[in-house]
Structure formats: C-alpha cells, structure tokens
Protein backbone atom coordinates (compact mmCIF):
# COMPACT_ATOMS: atom_id res chain seq x y z
CA MET A 1 2.27 -17.21 3.52
CA THR A 2 -0.06 -18.00 6.10
CA ILE A 3 -3.89 -18.21 4.97
CA ASP A 4 -4.52 -16.30 6.90
CA GLU A 5 -2.85 -13.70 5.41
CA LYS A 6 -4.22 -14.66 2.08
CA ARG A 7 -7.73 -13.77 3.03
CA THR A 8 -6.16 -10.87 4.84
CA ILE A 9 -4.18 -9.64 1.76
CA ALA A 10 -7.75 -10.47 -0.48
CA ARG A 11 -9.86 -8.53 2.07
CA LEU A 12 -7.80 -4.98 1.14
CA ALA A 13 -7.41 -5.67 -2.35
CA THR A 14 -11.67 -5.98 -2.68
CA ILE A 15 -12.07 -3.14 -0.47
CA LEU A 16 -9.09 -1.00 -2.27
CA LYS A 17 -10.69 -2.10 -6.20
CA LYS A 18 -14.82 -1.35 -4.64
CA ARG A 19 -12.87 2.01 -3.03
CA TYR A 20 -10.41 2.99 -6.15
CA GLY A 21 -12.39 1.33 -9.16
CA ASP A 22 -13.45 4.93 -10.53
CA ASP A 23 -10.74 6.97 -9.29
CA PHE A 24 -9.26 9.52 -12.23
CA SER A 25 -6.25 10.26 -10.25
CA GLY A 26 -4.09 8.01 -11.41
CA HIS A 27 -4.20 6.40 -8.41
CA ASP A 28 -6.92 4.07 -9.17
CA TRP A 29 -7.04 0.64 -8.46
CA TYR A 30 -5.33 -0.48 -11.87
CA HIS A 31 -2.05 1.37 -10.48
CA LEU A 32 -2.03 -0.37 -6.96
CA GLU A 33 -2.93 -3.98 -8.59
CA ARG A 34 -0.03 -3.80 -10.98
CA VAL A 35 2.73 -2.49 -8.69
CA TRP A 36 0.90 -5.61 -6.48
CA LYS A 37 1.83 -7.93 -9.32
CA MET A 38 5.39 -6.56 -10.37
CA ALA A 39 5.89 -6.66 -6.65
CA LYS A 40 5.56 -10.30 -6.74
CA GLN A 41 7.21 -10.84 -9.66
CA LEU A 42 10.28 -8.93 -8.73
CA ALA A 43 10.35 -10.61 -4.95
CA LYS A 44 10.31 -13.73 -6.26
CA GLU A 45 13.92 -14.33 -6.03
CA GLU A 46 14.22 -12.76 -3.11
CA ARG A 47 14.43 -13.38 0.67
CA VAL A 48 10.83 -10.73 1.48
CA ASP A 49 8.24 -11.23 4.12
CA GLN A 50 5.92 -11.70 1.12
CA PHE A 51 3.21 -10.59 3.31
CA VAL A 52 4.34 -7.24 4.28
CA LEU A 53 5.21 -6.80 0.77
CA GLU A 54 2.01 -7.25 -1.11
CA MET A 55 0.70 -5.40 2.09
CA ALA A 56 3.21 -2.27 1.51
CA ALA A 57 2.68 -2.64 -2.41
CA LEU A 58 -1.08 -2.45 -2.21
CA LEU A 59 -1.28 0.82 0.16
CA HIS A 60 1.53 2.47 -1.40
CA ASP A 61 -0.53 5.44 -2.63
CA VAL A 62 -3.49 5.03 -0.36
CA ASP A 63 -2.01 8.58 1.32
CA ASP A 64 -0.21 10.13 -1.50
CA SER A 65 0.03 13.93 -0.83
CA LYS A 66 -1.15 14.43 -4.32
CA ILE A 67 -4.49 13.13 -3.62
CA LYS A 68 -4.64 13.85 0.27
CA THR A 69 -7.06 16.55 1.72
CA GLU A 70 -5.23 19.66 2.94
CA GLY A 71 -4.82 18.95 6.91
CA GLU A 72 -5.10 15.08 6.89
CA ALA A 73 -2.17 13.36 8.77
CA GLU A 74 0.36 10.81 7.51
CA PHE A 75 -0.75 7.61 6.76
CA SER A 76 -4.53 8.60 8.08
CA ARG A 77 -6.28 6.80 5.30
CA THR A 78 -3.77 3.74 4.98
CA GLU A 79 -3.91 3.63 9.43
CA ALA A 80 -7.92 3.33 9.23
CA LEU A 81 -7.73 0.47 6.49
CA LEU A 82 -5.10 -1.02 8.46
CA GLN A 83 -7.52 -0.66 11.65
CA GLU A 84 -10.58 -2.03 9.35
CA ILE A 85 -8.75 -5.24 8.69
CA HIS A 86 -6.97 -6.03 12.69
CA ILE A 87 -3.23 -5.40 10.89
CA ASP A 88 -1.25 -5.42 14.25
CA ALA A 89 0.94 -2.92 15.66
CA ASP A 90 4.52 -4.40 13.69
CA VAL A 91 3.35 -5.32 10.83
CA ARG A 92 1.62 -1.41 10.52
CA ASP A 93 5.07 0.25 11.67
CA LYS A 94 6.78 -2.07 8.68
CA LEU A 95 4.85 -0.75 6.30
CA PHE A 96 4.40 2.64 7.20
CA GLU A 97 8.34 2.69 6.69
CA ILE A 98 8.24 0.98 3.72
CA ILE A 99 5.90 3.61 2.70
CA ARG A 100 7.49 6.06 3.22
CA THR A 101 10.89 5.19 1.87
CA VAL A 102 9.54 4.44 -1.45
CA SER A 103 7.13 6.96 -2.46
CA PHE A 104 7.79 9.89 -4.43
CA HIS A 105 6.99 13.18 -2.79
CA GLY A 106 8.80 15.65 -4.81
CA GLY A 107 11.51 14.63 -6.53
CA PHE A 108 15.71 15.46 -5.97
CA THR A 109 17.97 17.85 -7.70
CA VAL A 110 20.77 16.11 -8.74
CA LYS A 111 24.22 18.78 -8.35
C-alpha cells in the first residue's frame, strides 16, 4: 500500500471515529474498527488490494438500511465520504460492489 493510501485510510478512520463515536445503533466506531481489524487479519494470507479491502471494511455500514433515513439514495452517505477524501471512480465502483455484496440485508430463507 502506498503512503498516500495509508494516509487516506487514516483520514477516513478519523472522520468515521468522530462521526460514529457516540452512535448507539450498534453501528458505532467500535464496530467499524473491529470489522476493519478482522478484515486485515483475514487478508494476511490472501492476495487482495489492501487499500480497497480496508476502505470497504471501514465503509461497510455507512449506508446500512437499518440506520438510513427513508428516501436516501443507495450509497449516498458513502459517496459523500468518498468525495470528501477524493477517491477516484474506479476505487469507488469497487467499494460499492463489495459493500453491496457483503452487507446483510434482511437475511434469506433456507428451503
């Protein structure tokens, strides 16, 4: 990972800690931090884009349907954060795909 990518992750972590530090929905900073640390641990033996992995782990619940306001567009909060920290479109698209794929949205039924 480049120095600029490390700085971007540190900046995002600072923003999220400030924004979600006092959240009581179960989607607080401590939850995001645990997911982030676990993702890094699991990725140690894998070939992954470490920057995208860490960004996705930090952002995975920002637009969770359980905490969004009705009518908010998909990824509206995440998009605003990514613009604030100047993430390019290629990385943004990867992040949206990861978040859309791994997030839990109401479960499923086993038949």
